[in-house]
C-alpha cells in the first residue's frame, strides 16, 4: 500500500462501549474511525493516520494511559494530538494523563447536548484552529 492508498480518518475514537461510541460519532462532523481496545487502536491509528485521537482511559484490555504511552513512543504517531475523554475527573488521573503526554483531558458530560458542545469544541480546536497554526 502506498501513502496515497492509505485510508484516512480525521479522528480515531478509542471507546470500548458501542453506545458511547455511537453518541460521540453523532456529535462529530469529521471522519471517525472507532477502536474498541488498545491493540485495535494502535493498528488502526497506524493504518488511518488520524489527525486526532480521542481516548477513553477505561479500556477492556488495560489502562488507557498505557495506550497513551504506546502512541507517544510510536514513530509515526508520537506527535498526534491525544485528548483523554473520560467520565472521571479525579485530579490524580488528570495529572497522570497529562504527564504521560496527553494534550488535553475532557470530562464527558452526561447530557447529549453538553457532549455535543464539548466534542465540537475539541474538534474545532484540534482540527481547525490548532491545525492551521
C-alpha atoms as a PDB file:
ATOM      1  CA  UNK A   1       0.000   0.000   0.000  1.00  0.00           C
ATOM      2  CA  UNK A   2       1.402   3.372  -0.978  1.00  0.00           C
ATOM      3  CA  UNK A   3       0.868   6.516   1.119  1.00  0.00           C
ATOM      4  CA  UNK A   4      -1.681   7.715  -1.459  1.00  0.00           C
ATOM      5  CA  UNK A   5      -3.659   4.469  -0.962  1.00  0.00           C
ATOM      6  CA  UNK A   6      -3.679   4.723   2.833  1.00  0.00           C
ATOM      7  CA  UNK A   7      -7.196   5.270   4.210  1.00  0.00           C
ATOM      8  CA  UNK A   8      -7.554   8.429   6.243  1.00  0.00           C
ATOM      9  CA  UNK A   9      -9.541   9.376   9.316  1.00  0.00           C
ATOM     10  CA  UNK A  10      -9.645  12.743  10.946  1.00  0.00           C
ATOM     11  CA  UNK A  11     -10.352  11.256  14.367  1.00  0.00           C
ATOM     12  CA  UNK A  12      -9.600   7.910  15.957  1.00  0.00           C
ATOM     13  CA  UNK A  13     -12.084   7.384  18.780  1.00  0.00           C
ATOM     14  CA  UNK A  14     -10.909   4.764  21.272  1.00  0.00           C
ATOM     15  CA  UNK A  15     -14.108   3.776  23.049  1.00  0.00           C
ATOM     16  CA  UNK A  16     -14.989   0.242  24.190  1.00  0.00           C
ATOM     17  CA  UNK A  17     -18.703   0.946  24.737  1.00  0.00           C
ATOM     18  CA  UNK A  18     -20.624   0.774  21.412  1.00  0.00           C
ATOM     19  CA  UNK A  19     -23.392   3.085  22.673  1.00  0.00           C
ATOM     20  CA  UNK A  20     -20.877   5.712  23.833  1.00  0.00           C
ATOM     21  CA  UNK A  21     -19.012   5.429  20.534  1.00  0.00           C
ATOM     22  CA  UNK A  22     -22.268   5.918  18.613  1.00  0.00           C
ATOM     23  CA  UNK A  23     -23.149   9.012  20.639  1.00  0.00           C
ATOM     24  CA  UNK A  24     -19.709  10.531  20.198  1.00  0.00           C
ATOM     25  CA  UNK A  25     -19.762   9.745  16.473  1.00  0.00           C
ATOM     26  CA  UNK A  26     -23.073  11.566  16.131  1.00  0.00           C
ATOM     27  CA  UNK A  27     -21.537  14.635  17.807  1.00  0.00           C
ATOM     28  CA  UNK A  28     -18.534  14.880  15.479  1.00  0.00           C
ATOM     29  CA  UNK A  29     -18.553  16.269  11.937  1.00  0.00           C
ATOM     30  CA  UNK A  30     -15.223  14.726  10.923  1.00  0.00           C
ATOM     31  CA  UNK A  31     -14.419  11.257   9.589  1.00  0.00           C
ATOM     32  CA  UNK A  32     -14.231   8.987  12.621  1.00  0.00           C
ATOM     33  CA  UNK A  33     -12.715   5.528  12.981  1.00  0.00           C
ATOM     34  CA  UNK A  34     -13.571   3.618  16.141  1.00  0.00           C
ATOM     35  CA  UNK A  35     -11.291   1.276  18.067  1.00  0.00           C
ATOM     36  CA  UNK A  36     -12.623  -0.822  20.949  1.00  0.00           C
ATOM     37  CA  UNK A  37      -9.315  -1.686  22.669  1.00  0.00           C
ATOM     38  CA  UNK A  38      -5.636  -0.719  22.808  1.00  0.00           C
ATOM     39  CA  UNK A  39      -4.296  -3.177  20.229  1.00  0.00           C
ATOM     40  CA  UNK A  40      -7.004  -2.259  17.732  1.00  0.00           C
ATOM     41  CA  UNK A  41      -6.307   1.419  18.405  1.00  0.00           C
ATOM     42  CA  UNK A  42      -2.597   1.109  17.572  1.00  0.00           C
ATOM     43  CA  UNK A  43      -3.320  -0.941  14.455  1.00  0.00           C
ATOM     44  CA  UNK A  44      -5.993   1.466  13.215  1.00  0.00           C
ATOM     45  CA  UNK A  45      -4.005   4.578  14.120  1.00  0.00           C
ATOM     46  CA  UNK A  46      -1.080   3.265  12.119  1.00  0.00           C
ATOM     47  CA  UNK A  47      -3.368   2.447   9.179  1.00  0.00           C
ATOM     48  CA  UNK A  48      -5.547   5.576   9.022  1.00  0.00           C
ATOM     49  CA  UNK A  49      -3.114   8.252  10.275  1.00  0.00           C
ATOM     50  CA  UNK A  50      -5.659  10.245  12.306  1.00  0.00           C
ATOM     51  CA  UNK A  51      -5.208  13.929  12.960  1.00  0.00           C
ATOM     52  CA  UNK A  52      -6.594  13.474  16.482  1.00  0.00           C
ATOM     53  CA  UNK A  53      -7.088  10.609  18.942  1.00  0.00           C
ATOM     54  CA  UNK A  54      -9.957  10.740  21.450  1.00  0.00           C
ATOM     55  CA  UNK A  55      -9.132   8.185  24.130  1.00  0.00           C
ATOM     56  CA  UNK A  56     -11.344   6.735  26.841  1.00  0.00           C
ATOM     57  CA  UNK A  57      -8.833   5.721  29.531  1.00  0.00           C
ATOM     58  CA  UNK A  58     -11.007   2.815  30.705  1.00  0.00           C
ATOM     59  CA  UNK A  59     -10.270   0.051  28.218  1.00  0.00           C
ATOM     60  CA  UNK A  60     -11.123  -3.661  28.476  1.00  0.00           C
ATOM     61  CA  UNK A  61      -7.526  -4.718  27.864  1.00  0.00           C
ATOM     62  CA  UNK A  62      -5.924  -2.390  30.387  1.00  0.00           C
ATOM     63  CA  UNK A  63      -5.350   1.173  31.393  1.00  0.00           C
ATOM     64  CA  UNK A  64      -5.719   3.730  28.613  1.00  0.00           C
ATOM     65  CA  UNK A  65      -2.630   5.528  29.866  1.00  0.00           C
ATOM     66  CA  UNK A  66      -0.580   2.514  28.722  1.00  0.00           C
ATOM     67  CA  UNK A  67      -2.048   3.056  25.253  1.00  0.00           C
ATOM     68  CA  UNK A  68      -1.174   6.732  25.508  1.00  0.00           C
ATOM     69  CA  UNK A  69       2.428   5.756  26.217  1.00  0.00           C
ATOM     70  CA  UNK A  70       2.433   3.369  23.222  1.00  0.00           C
ATOM     71  CA  UNK A  71       1.137   6.135  20.962  1.00  0.00           C
ATOM     72  CA  UNK A  72       3.746   8.602  22.242  1.00  0.00           C
ATOM     73  CA  UNK A  73       6.552   6.095  21.522  1.00  0.00           C
ATOM     74  CA  UNK A  74       5.272   5.181  18.058  1.00  0.00           C
ATOM     75  CA  UNK A  75       7.460   6.678  15.285  1.00  0.00           C
ATOM     76  CA  UNK A  76       4.516   7.897  13.162  1.00  0.00           C
ATOM     77  CA  UNK A  77       2.001   8.668  15.897  1.00  0.00           C
ATOM     78  CA  UNK A  78       4.169  10.238  18.578  1.00  0.00           C
ATOM     79  CA  UNK A  79       3.098  13.798  17.814  1.00  0.00           C
ATOM     80  CA  UNK A  80      -0.565  13.097  17.017  1.00  0.00           C
ATOM     81  CA  UNK A  81      -2.725  15.035  19.494  1.00  0.00           C
ATOM     82  CA  UNK A  82      -4.366  12.773  22.081  1.00  0.00           C
ATOM     83  CA  UNK A  83      -7.318  14.025  24.099  1.00  0.00           C
ATOM     84  CA  UNK A  84      -8.439  11.932  27.040  1.00  0.00           C
ATOM     85  CA  UNK A  85     -12.231  11.693  27.093  1.00  0.00           C
ATOM     86  CA  UNK A  86     -13.282  10.375  30.490  1.00  0.00           C
ATOM     87  CA  UNK A  87     -16.328  10.313  32.729  1.00  0.00           C
ATOM     88  CA  UNK A  88     -13.994  10.630  35.725  1.00  0.00           C
ATOM     89  CA  UNK A  89     -12.132  13.810  36.613  1.00  0.00           C
ATOM     90  CA  UNK A  90     -10.058  12.658  39.573  1.00  0.00           C
ATOM     91  CA  UNK A  91      -7.137  15.095  39.869  1.00  0.00           C
ATOM     92  CA  UNK A  92      -4.615  12.240  40.031  1.00  0.00           C
ATOM     93  CA  UNK A  93      -5.972  10.747  36.765  1.00  0.00           C
ATOM     94  CA  UNK A  94      -5.845  14.106  35.018  1.00  0.00           C
ATOM     95  CA  UNK A  95      -2.301  14.807  36.222  1.00  0.00           C
ATOM     96  CA  UNK A  96      -1.097  11.339  35.227  1.00  0.00           C
ATOM     97  CA  UNK A  97      -2.575  11.567  31.731  1.00  0.00           C
ATOM     98  CA  UNK A  98      -1.061  14.994  31.137  1.00  0.00           C
ATOM     99  CA  UNK A  99       2.328  13.915  32.498  1.00  0.00           C
ATOM    100  CA  UNK A 100       2.329  10.959  30.076  1.00  0.00           C
ATOM    101  CA  UNK A 101       1.759  13.201  27.090  1.00  0.00           C
ATOM    102  CA  UNK A 102      -1.977  13.721  26.688  1.00  0.00           C
ATOM    103  CA  UNK A 103      -2.624  17.055  25.029  1.00  0.00           C
ATOM    104  CA  UNK A 104      -5.856  17.616  26.914  1.00  0.00           C
ATOM    105  CA  UNK A 105      -8.292  15.985  29.321  1.00  0.00           C
ATOM    106  CA  UNK A 106     -12.032  16.425  28.783  1.00  0.00           C
ATOM    107  CA  UNK A 107     -14.683  15.177  31.182  1.00  0.00           C
ATOM    108  CA  UNK A 108     -17.545  13.553  29.242  1.00  0.00           C
ATOM    109  CA  UNK A 109     -20.779  15.364  30.002  1.00  0.00           C
ATOM    110  CA  UNK A 110     -23.756  13.166  30.835  1.00  0.00           C
ATOM    111  CA  UNK A 111     -26.310  15.022  28.709  1.00  0.00           C
ATOM    112  CA  UNK A 112     -26.194  14.619  24.928  1.00  0.00           C
ATOM    113  CA  UNK A 113     -26.322  18.342  24.105  1.00  0.00           C
ATOM    114  CA  UNK A 114     -23.473  19.082  26.512  1.00  0.00           C
ATOM    115  CA  UNK A 115     -21.473  16.202  24.991  1.00  0.00           C
ATOM    116  CA  UNK A 116     -22.111  17.582  21.503  1.00  0.00           C
ATOM    117  CA  UNK A 117     -20.873  21.028  22.534  1.00  0.00           C
ATOM    118  CA  UNK A 118     -17.786  19.643  24.300  1.00  0.00           C
ATOM    119  CA  UNK A 119     -16.790  17.419  21.365  1.00  0.00           C
ATOM    120  CA  UNK A 120     -17.466  20.211  18.893  1.00  0.00           C
ATOM    121  CA  UNK A 121     -15.074  22.445  20.826  1.00  0.00           C
ATOM    122  CA  UNK A 122     -12.393  19.727  20.955  1.00  0.00           C
ATOM    123  CA  UNK A 123     -12.811  19.043  17.249  1.00  0.00           C
ATOM    124  CA  UNK A 124     -12.735  22.721  16.344  1.00  0.00           C
ATOM    125  CA  UNK A 125      -9.601  23.375  18.384  1.00  0.00           C
ATOM    126  CA  UNK A 126      -7.533  20.365  17.322  1.00  0.00           C
ATOM    127  CA  UNK A 127      -8.662  20.048  13.696  1.00  0.00           C
ATOM    128  CA  UNK A 128      -9.422  23.636  12.731  1.00  0.00           C
ATOM    129  CA  UNK A 129      -7.609  26.268  14.782  1.00  0.00           C
ATOM    130  CA  UNK A 130      -4.664  24.198  16.022  1.00  0.00           C
ATOM    131  CA  UNK A 131      -4.026  22.521  12.690  1.00  0.00           C
ATOM    132  CA  UNK A 132      -3.885  25.901  10.952  1.00  0.00           C
ATOM    133  CA  UNK A 133      -1.053  27.113  13.209  1.00  0.00           C
END
